Structure formats: structure tokens, C-alpha cells
């Protein structure tokens, strides 16, 4: 059942907040028994078909429902919308949109605990659109009730398996130690993003902050979850409007910087489109992890010789995770003076006879 947009939620209040955006919403039943609501989101003359599912709490539930729904609906864009706990630099009602989701509980229980983080970046297209909306604060007109102002940040989100309800908990200390860059913590984002990446779909997570970890129960009792879900849904609505506007511009042959589709009238650097292709980028990360056993931080390695910074990488994460994170940062243009071209030239200097390296160089036009 081809559908433009798929939205995953964990809780009923999140599901209901999203469905209120839709017109002509009707139940749809999967052969396994999974129930969805499917309707339309109108943005001027354009309409998106939208399917929504309540997956339940936890990464396992999110992964199962996302996998099933991706196969069933074959969407163009995928969102997870819900609430989360704020770790730093946010307040109740603010919105955090994932630049990446970091699974913080993987690790090796040795004499000293050694984290082995897994990172999934969000779609570059959706991330760019989210940043534009966050800068302009255009989403706030949808929640003009005097409770704000609220802010939106496109930053890392931490995902684990536990409800974090105290800054004195061992889990909170693990988060601050291993993923100090994260602004929010939740329990479904990693499970959601895994099948999104496997299916090579464009996905992102939108979370409203419902508590600041301390006194979580009191915040929930005061209605912070419905507030956070509403604000996250308001940001979602603005993103859908942005996607619809971009589609209209493309159909009218007017160039749009937030539409990545290539046409004869559009000139986009090859490197930019390759880095935006998550499947291609992940294959490159896997290849580099096999070639450089200590990761991008390797002394004299290709990353540093190509002009890249390594300070943002964690030596405690796996080599593959380090390369995933490095290339995701490169796609955002924030990794020093390195470019995809300079990186591939440096890799070719080390492994010019490797068939995979030759193919990547050919893809990027590295002669």
C-alpha cells in the first residue's frame, strides 16, 4: 500500500497527536494484526498520504513495527514522533530533532566498562529541513497558547533500554560519560533507525521534552507529556509543509535547496549527493573500518592526512562506529578541511590496489 509518509510513535497520546493532523483518517489492518491509521496531510494544493502506528515502548517494539510498516507502506519519508527526557540545554516543551541517534548501552563489561556505541545518522535532507525550520521558529505559530516560547534543536539523541528518572542513577552517569553530546534520552530511536537504514529510507526522530530526568513523575503528572507530544507534532507538521512546498517547487521547475532530486536543470556536486546517500556512505564506512583497524584516529591515517579533525570521535567506540560518525560529520561539512575527494585520495595512496577503493574513487570522480 504505497504511502508517502510513515510515522512511528510509542504511546497512545503521541499517536493521537499525530492523527489530529490528518484528514479522512481511517484504520488499516496488516495481515499480522498490526493496526494503523492512514489519512492525508494537506499543504496548499499538495497532499501527502500518511500512515501512523503506535509501536509501544522500547527499541525492540520500535524495530519490529518499523520493519513491518516499511515493507507494507513503502514510504518516501519516515518519522518517529514522541516525547523524551532532556539531558542538557533544553526545557520542558522544547523539541529535539535527531542529527543522529546513539545507542549508549552497548559495551564490554571488563575490569573497566568499555562502551561500544552504535550510531545512526538522520537523513541529511530531513536534517537540513529541520535546521531551517528551527532557525526560523516558523513551527511555533502552531502552538501559540502563551506557554512558550519553546525552542527546537537539531542535535544527537541517546537511546537505551531503560526509563531514566534521576541524575543520580547509574544509567544517567553512563550517558554523561559515553554520549555527553546528546540533548535528550529515550527508548525507541535506535530500534526505529536500524530498519530505516537497512531499507535505505529517509528518516529522522522528533522528540518533545517532557521531563528533565529529575522529578519525572511530578512533571508527567502536571501534563508535560501531552504538551511535549503536541510540540513535537507541531514541528512535524511544519516539516511536512516544507516537504510539500519543495515538491511543488520541483514540479514547477523552480530550484529548491531542500530537494535532493537531480534533474538536468539542477547542478549538485557529485560528492554532496554521494554523502547524502546513506547506503553508499555506510558501505564506505564499512570498507574503511576493514582497512584502518584503529579507526580514523590512526596516526598518519587517511582521515588526518586528508585534513580531517578527530577530536569529536570517541576512542571507546568500535572502529566501525567511529567511521560511521566521521562520515556523517563529513556529510554535514563539519570535520575540518577534509572533503570526500581528499579522503578518497588519501585512502587510494594507502590501498590503491583495493577493488572497493577503486569503485568508491570512480563513483566520486577521483582520477
Protein backbone atom coordinates (compact mmCIF):
# COMPACT_ATOMS: atom_id res chain seq x y z
CA UNK A 1 0.00 0.00 0.00
CA UNK A 2 2.17 2.86 -1.26
CA UNK A 3 2.11 5.77 1.19
CA UNK A 4 4.13 8.99 1.12
CA UNK A 5 4.87 9.38 4.83
CA UNK A 6 5.19 6.82 7.64
CA UNK A 7 5.12 7.99 11.26
CA UNK A 8 6.02 5.73 14.19
CA UNK A 9 5.01 6.59 17.76
CA UNK A 10 5.47 4.78 21.08
CA UNK A 11 2.50 5.99 23.13
CA UNK A 12 -1.21 6.47 22.52
CA UNK A 13 -1.00 10.20 23.32
CA UNK A 14 1.70 10.61 20.65
CA UNK A 15 -0.33 8.59 18.14
CA UNK A 16 -3.44 10.70 18.79
CA UNK A 17 -1.49 13.97 18.49
CA UNK A 18 -0.24 12.96 15.03
CA UNK A 19 -3.60 11.65 13.80
CA UNK A 20 -5.19 15.01 14.64
CA UNK A 21 -3.09 16.49 11.83
CA UNK A 22 -4.74 14.24 9.25
CA UNK A 23 -7.99 14.38 7.35
CA UNK A 24 -10.05 11.34 6.34
CA UNK A 25 -8.06 9.13 8.72
CA UNK A 26 -9.22 5.52 8.60
CA UNK A 27 -7.98 2.30 10.23
CA UNK A 28 -5.84 -0.10 8.21
CA UNK A 29 -5.13 -3.63 9.36
CA UNK A 30 -1.99 -5.58 8.49
CA UNK A 31 -2.23 -9.33 7.95
CA UNK A 32 -0.27 -9.83 11.18
CA UNK A 33 -2.88 -7.87 13.12
CA UNK A 34 -0.97 -4.60 13.39
CA UNK A 35 -3.34 -1.64 13.25
CA UNK A 36 -2.55 1.66 11.53
CA UNK A 37 -4.35 4.91 10.90
CA UNK A 38 -4.00 6.25 7.37
CA UNK A 39 -5.14 9.66 6.13
CA UNK A 40 -3.95 12.75 4.30
CA UNK A 41 -1.99 15.84 5.28
CA UNK A 42 -2.89 18.88 3.20
CA UNK A 43 -0.41 21.65 2.43
CA UNK A 44 -1.93 24.07 -0.03
CA UNK A 45 -2.61 22.30 -3.32
CA UNK A 46 -0.44 19.32 -2.32
CA UNK A 47 -1.50 16.34 -0.21
CA UNK A 48 0.59 13.61 1.40
CA UNK A 49 -0.78 10.19 2.23
CA UNK A 50 0.29 9.47 5.82
CA UNK A 51 0.24 6.26 7.87
CA UNK A 52 0.66 6.25 11.67
CA UNK A 53 1.36 3.35 14.03
CA UNK A 54 1.68 3.04 17.81
CA UNK A 55 4.63 0.69 18.34
CA UNK A 56 4.75 0.63 22.13
CA UNK A 57 7.72 1.41 24.34
CA UNK A 58 11.23 0.10 23.74
CA UNK A 59 13.72 -0.34 20.93
CA UNK A 60 12.63 -3.91 20.15
CA UNK A 61 9.00 -2.93 19.62
CA UNK A 62 10.05 0.09 17.57
CA UNK A 63 12.29 -2.03 15.34
CA UNK A 64 9.62 -4.69 14.74
CA UNK A 65 6.83 -2.24 13.91
CA UNK A 66 9.06 -0.04 11.78
CA UNK A 67 10.30 -3.02 9.76
CA UNK A 68 6.74 -4.27 9.20
CA UNK A 69 5.36 -0.84 8.29
CA UNK A 70 8.23 -0.02 5.93
CA UNK A 71 7.57 -3.18 3.94
CA UNK A 72 3.81 -2.64 3.95
CA UNK A 73 3.62 1.09 3.08
CA UNK A 74 6.88 1.66 1.12
CA UNK A 75 7.06 5.32 2.27
CA UNK A 76 9.29 8.04 0.88
CA UNK A 77 9.94 9.58 4.33
CA UNK A 78 9.83 8.08 7.83
CA UNK A 79 9.49 9.92 11.14
CA UNK A 80 9.48 8.86 14.77
CA UNK A 81 7.49 11.39 16.80
CA UNK A 82 7.16 11.37 20.56
CA UNK A 83 8.41 12.56 23.94
CA UNK A 84 11.79 12.24 25.63
CA UNK A 85 13.75 13.23 28.70
CA UNK A 86 16.00 16.27 28.50
CA UNK A 87 19.65 15.76 29.43
CA UNK A 88 21.04 19.28 28.99
CA UNK A 89 20.40 22.66 27.35
CA UNK A 90 16.64 22.09 26.94
CA UNK A 91 13.45 22.76 28.88
CA UNK A 92 10.07 21.10 29.09
CA UNK A 93 8.22 21.67 25.82
CA UNK A 94 11.33 22.21 23.73
CA UNK A 95 11.84 19.97 20.70
CA UNK A 96 14.96 17.96 19.84
CA UNK A 97 15.33 16.60 16.32
CA UNK A 98 17.95 13.91 15.79
CA UNK A 99 21.13 14.71 13.93
CA UNK A 100 21.99 11.17 14.97
CA UNK A 101 20.76 8.59 17.45
CA UNK A 102 23.33 6.90 19.69
CA UNK A 103 22.72 3.55 21.38
CA UNK A 104 24.62 4.06 24.62
CA UNK A 105 24.19 0.68 26.37
CA UNK A 106 26.33 -1.48 24.12
CA UNK A 107 29.67 -2.28 25.69
CA UNK A 108 32.15 -4.74 27.16
CA UNK A 109 31.94 -5.48 30.90
CA UNK A 110 35.69 -5.79 31.58
CA UNK A 111 37.56 -4.64 34.67
CA UNK A 112 36.65 -1.20 33.39
CA UNK A 113 33.44 -0.80 31.41
CA UNK A 114 34.21 -0.15 27.75
CA UNK A 115 31.36 1.42 25.77
CA UNK A 116 30.75 0.23 22.22
CA UNK A 117 28.43 2.80 20.77
CA UNK A 118 26.28 2.33 17.71
CA UNK A 119 25.31 5.48 15.81
CA UNK A 120 22.71 6.04 13.12
CA UNK A 121 22.67 9.49 11.46
CA UNK A 122 19.41 11.03 10.35
CA UNK A 123 18.64 11.68 6.69
CA UNK A 124 20.68 14.64 5.52
CA UNK A 125 17.72 16.05 3.58
CA UNK A 126 15.39 15.91 6.59
CA UNK A 127 18.10 17.22 8.90
CA UNK A 128 18.70 20.22 6.64
CA UNK A 129 15.00 20.97 6.52
CA UNK A 130 14.71 20.65 10.32
CA UNK A 131 17.59 23.08 10.84
CA UNK A 132 15.93 25.60 8.55
CA UNK A 133 12.65 25.37 10.44
CA UNK A 134 14.37 25.52 13.83
CA UNK A 135 16.29 28.66 12.85
CA UNK A 136 13.20 30.42 11.56
CA UNK A 137 11.00 29.29 14.51
CA UNK A 138 8.16 29.02 11.99
CA UNK A 139 6.73 25.94 13.73
CA UNK A 140 5.73 27.92 16.83
CA UNK A 141 2.75 29.55 15.15
CA UNK A 142 1.03 26.17 15.52
CA UNK A 143 1.25 26.29 19.35
CA UNK A 144 0.54 29.94 20.12
CA UNK A 145 -1.06 29.38 23.54
CA UNK A 146 1.08 31.60 25.75
CA UNK A 147 3.03 28.71 27.29
CA UNK A 148 6.20 29.29 25.25
CA UNK A 149 8.39 30.37 23.74
CA UNK A 150 9.84 26.97 23.03
CA UNK A 151 12.97 26.22 21.05
CA UNK A 152 13.98 23.45 18.67
CA UNK A 153 17.46 21.94 18.38
CA UNK A 154 18.84 19.53 15.78
CA UNK A 155 21.25 17.57 17.97
CA UNK A 156 22.20 13.99 18.95
CA UNK A 157 19.69 11.86 20.86
CA UNK A 158 20.66 8.97 23.16
CA UNK A 159 18.61 5.77 23.06
CA UNK A 160 18.73 2.92 25.56
CA UNK A 161 16.59 0.30 27.21
CA UNK A 162 15.64 1.99 30.49
CA UNK A 163 13.50 4.86 31.72
CA UNK A 164 15.97 7.38 33.18
CA UNK A 165 14.34 9.14 36.11
CA UNK A 166 17.24 10.56 38.10
CA UNK A 167 20.54 12.31 37.52
CA UNK A 168 21.93 10.15 40.33
CA UNK A 169 21.24 6.89 38.53
CA UNK A 170 24.00 4.72 37.10
CA UNK A 171 22.36 4.94 33.68
CA UNK A 172 22.49 8.73 33.71
CA UNK A 173 26.17 8.62 34.65
CA UNK A 174 26.78 6.22 31.75
CA UNK A 175 25.04 8.62 29.37
CA UNK A 176 27.04 11.63 30.56
CA UNK A 177 30.26 9.64 30.27
CA UNK A 178 29.64 7.99 26.89
CA UNK A 179 27.32 10.34 24.98
CA UNK A 180 27.78 13.76 26.52
CA UNK A 181 26.83 15.37 23.21
CA UNK A 182 23.21 14.14 23.45
CA UNK A 183 20.46 16.60 24.46
CA UNK A 184 17.70 14.04 25.01
CA UNK A 185 17.31 10.41 26.04
CA UNK A 186 14.61 7.93 25.01
CA UNK A 187 13.95 4.22 24.41
CA UNK A 188 12.91 3.75 20.77
CA UNK A 189 15.11 5.77 18.43
CA UNK A 190 17.80 3.15 17.88
CA UNK A 191 15.26 0.44 17.13
CA UNK A 192 13.49 2.80 14.74
CA UNK A 193 16.57 3.90 12.82
CA UNK A 194 18.04 0.41 12.33
CA UNK A 195 15.40 -0.79 9.81
CA UNK A 196 15.18 2.70 8.30
CA UNK A 197 18.85 2.42 7.38
CA UNK A 198 18.50 -1.21 6.29
CA UNK A 199 15.74 -0.18 3.85
CA UNK A 200 17.74 2.88 2.70
CA UNK A 201 14.89 5.20 3.65
CA UNK A 202 15.00 8.86 4.68
CA UNK A 203 14.23 9.02 8.39
CA UNK A 204 14.52 11.31 11.40
CA UNK A 205 13.36 11.47 15.04
CA UNK A 206 11.37 14.36 16.52
CA UNK A 207 11.09 14.45 20.32
CA UNK A 208 9.31 16.89 22.60
CA UNK A 209 10.92 17.23 26.03
CA UNK A 210 8.50 16.04 28.71
CA UNK A 211 10.83 15.94 31.72
CA UNK A 212 14.35 16.83 32.78
CA UNK A 213 15.04 13.41 34.41
CA UNK A 214 14.78 14.73 37.97
CA UNK A 215 11.19 14.60 39.33
CA UNK A 216 9.98 12.86 36.20
CA UNK A 217 6.79 11.57 37.83
CA UNK A 218 5.81 15.04 39.00
CA UNK A 219 6.38 16.51 35.53
CA UNK A 220 4.29 13.77 33.92
CA UNK A 221 1.50 14.33 36.46
CA UNK A 222 1.43 18.04 35.55
CA UNK A 223 0.64 17.28 31.90
CA UNK A 224 4.12 17.61 30.43
CA UNK A 225 3.76 14.58 28.16
CA UNK A 226 0.74 15.89 26.19
CA UNK A 227 2.49 19.28 25.93
CA UNK A 228 5.69 17.67 24.64
CA UNK A 229 3.80 15.43 22.20
CA UNK A 230 1.86 18.42 20.87
CA UNK A 231 5.04 20.44 20.31
CA UNK A 232 6.80 17.55 18.58
CA UNK A 233 3.76 17.12 16.33
CA UNK A 234 3.73 20.85 15.55
CA UNK A 235 7.33 20.59 14.38
CA UNK A 236 6.41 17.52 12.32
CA UNK A 237 3.59 19.45 10.64
CA UNK A 238 5.99 22.21 9.66
CA UNK A 239 8.40 19.66 8.22
CA UNK A 240 5.62 18.08 6.15
CA UNK A 241 4.69 21.54 4.91
CA UNK A 242 8.32 22.11 3.96
CA UNK A 243 8.45 18.84 2.05
CA UNK A 244 5.21 19.67 0.26
CA UNK A 245 6.49 23.12 -0.68
CA UNK A 246 9.70 21.61 -2.01
CA UNK A 247 7.70 19.15 -4.11
CA UNK A 248 5.63 21.96 -5.60
CA UNK A 249 8.78 23.89 -6.47
CA UNK A 250 10.30 20.87 -8.17
CA UNK A 251 7.15 20.25 -10.19
CA UNK A 252 7.22 23.89 -11.28
CA UNK A 253 10.88 23.61 -12.31
CA UNK A 254 11.95 26.12 -9.66
CA UNK A 255 15.22 25.06 -7.99
CA UNK A 256 14.96 24.27 -4.28
CA UNK A 257 17.92 23.73 -1.99
CA UNK A 258 16.00 21.26 0.17
CA UNK A 259 15.10 18.90 -2.64
CA UNK A 260 17.95 16.47 -3.37
CA UNK A 261 16.46 15.00 -6.57
CA UNK A 262 18.69 15.62 -9.58
CA UNK A 263 17.31 17.00 -12.82
CA UNK A 264 19.05 18.25 -15.94
CA UNK A 265 18.44 21.81 -14.77
CA UNK A 266 19.94 21.22 -11.31
CA UNK A 267 23.66 21.21 -10.60
CA UNK A 268 24.66 19.43 -7.39
CA UNK A 269 28.27 18.38 -6.63
CA UNK A 270 28.76 14.64 -7.02
CA UNK A 271 30.42 14.41 -3.60
CA UNK A 272 27.41 16.05 -1.89
CA UNK A 273 24.95 13.61 -3.43
CA UNK A 274 27.14 10.61 -2.56
CA UNK A 275 27.49 11.65 1.07
CA UNK A 276 23.74 12.19 1.24
CA UNK A 277 23.25 8.60 0.06
CA UNK A 278 23.28 6.75 3.39
CA UNK A 279 23.68 3.32 1.79
CA UNK A 280 26.76 4.46 -0.18
CA UNK A 281 28.18 6.24 2.86
CA UNK A 282 27.68 3.19 5.07
CA UNK A 283 29.41 0.93 2.55
CA UNK A 284 32.35 3.32 2.55
CA UNK A 285 32.43 3.31 6.38
CA UNK A 286 32.43 -0.49 6.47
CA UNK A 287 35.25 -0.65 3.92
CA UNK A 288 37.36 1.92 5.78
CA UNK A 289 36.79 0.09 9.08
CA UNK A 290 38.28 -3.02 7.49
CA UNK A 291 41.27 -1.13 6.08
CA UNK A 292 42.13 1.05 9.08
CA UNK A 293 41.92 -1.19 12.14
CA UNK A 294 42.26 1.60 14.73
CA UNK A 295 39.78 3.91 13.04
CA UNK A 296 40.02 7.50 11.77
CA UNK A 297 42.21 8.46 14.75
CA UNK A 298 45.04 6.24 13.48
CA UNK A 299 48.28 8.21 13.46
CA UNK A 300 49.15 9.08 9.90
CA UNK A 301 45.89 7.58 8.72
CA UNK A 302 43.87 8.75 5.76
CA UNK A 303 41.42 10.88 7.75
CA UNK A 304 44.04 13.14 9.31
CA UNK A 305 46.20 13.30 6.16
CA UNK A 306 43.11 14.41 4.23
CA UNK A 307 42.61 17.34 6.62
CA UNK A 308 40.00 15.87 8.97
CA UNK A 309 39.61 16.60 12.68
CA UNK A 310 39.30 13.67 15.10
CA UNK A 311 38.50 15.41 18.38
CA UNK A 312 34.77 14.69 18.09
CA UNK A 313 35.35 10.93 17.85
CA UNK A 314 35.28 8.57 20.84
CA UNK A 315 38.18 6.13 21.08
CA UNK A 316 35.97 3.91 23.23
CA UNK A 317 33.52 3.19 20.40
CA UNK A 318 34.08 0.50 17.79
CA UNK A 319 36.18 1.20 14.70
CA UNK A 320 33.10 0.89 12.51
CA UNK A 321 31.11 3.30 14.69
CA UNK A 322 33.97 5.81 14.51
CA UNK A 323 33.94 5.69 10.71
CA UNK A 324 30.15 5.97 10.59
CA UNK A 325 30.33 9.04 12.84
CA UNK A 326 33.22 10.55 10.89
CA UNK A 327 31.48 10.25 7.52
CA UNK A 328 28.19 11.51 8.96
CA UNK A 329 30.04 14.60 10.20
CA UNK A 330 31.74 14.98 6.82
CA UNK A 331 28.30 14.92 5.16
CA UNK A 332 27.37 17.90 7.33
CA UNK A 333 30.53 19.75 6.33
CA UNK A 334 31.87 19.99 9.87
CA UNK A 335 35.01 17.82 10.07
CA UNK A 336 37.85 20.27 9.42
CA UNK A 337 39.37 20.88 5.98
CA UNK A 338 38.66 17.35 4.76
CA UNK A 339 36.47 16.66 1.73
CA UNK A 340 35.26 13.40 0.27
CA UNK A 341 37.71 13.92 -2.59
CA UNK A 342 40.72 14.47 -0.31
CA UNK A 343 39.74 11.48 1.83
CA UNK A 344 39.49 9.12 -1.12
CA UNK A 345 42.81 10.39 -2.50
CA UNK A 346 44.45 9.63 0.86
CA UNK A 347 42.84 6.18 1.02
CA UNK A 348 43.94 5.45 -2.53
CA UNK A 349 47.51 6.36 -1.57
CA UNK A 350 47.40 3.55 1.00
CA UNK A 351 45.22 0.98 -0.77
CA UNK A 352 45.22 1.88 -4.46
CA UNK A 353 45.04 -1.78 -5.48
CA UNK A 354 41.89 -2.48 -3.46
CA UNK A 355 38.89 -3.07 -5.75
CA UNK A 356 36.41 -1.44 -3.35
CA UNK A 357 38.58 1.65 -3.02
CA UNK A 358 38.79 1.86 -6.81
CA UNK A 359 35.00 1.71 -7.08
CA UNK A 360 34.49 4.45 -4.49
CA UNK A 361 37.01 6.64 -6.31
CA UNK A 362 35.24 6.02 -9.58
CA UNK A 363 31.88 6.93 -8.04
CA UNK A 364 33.28 10.23 -6.75
CA UNK A 365 35.19 11.11 -9.91
CA UNK A 366 38.60 10.80 -8.24
CA UNK A 367 41.05 10.34 -11.11
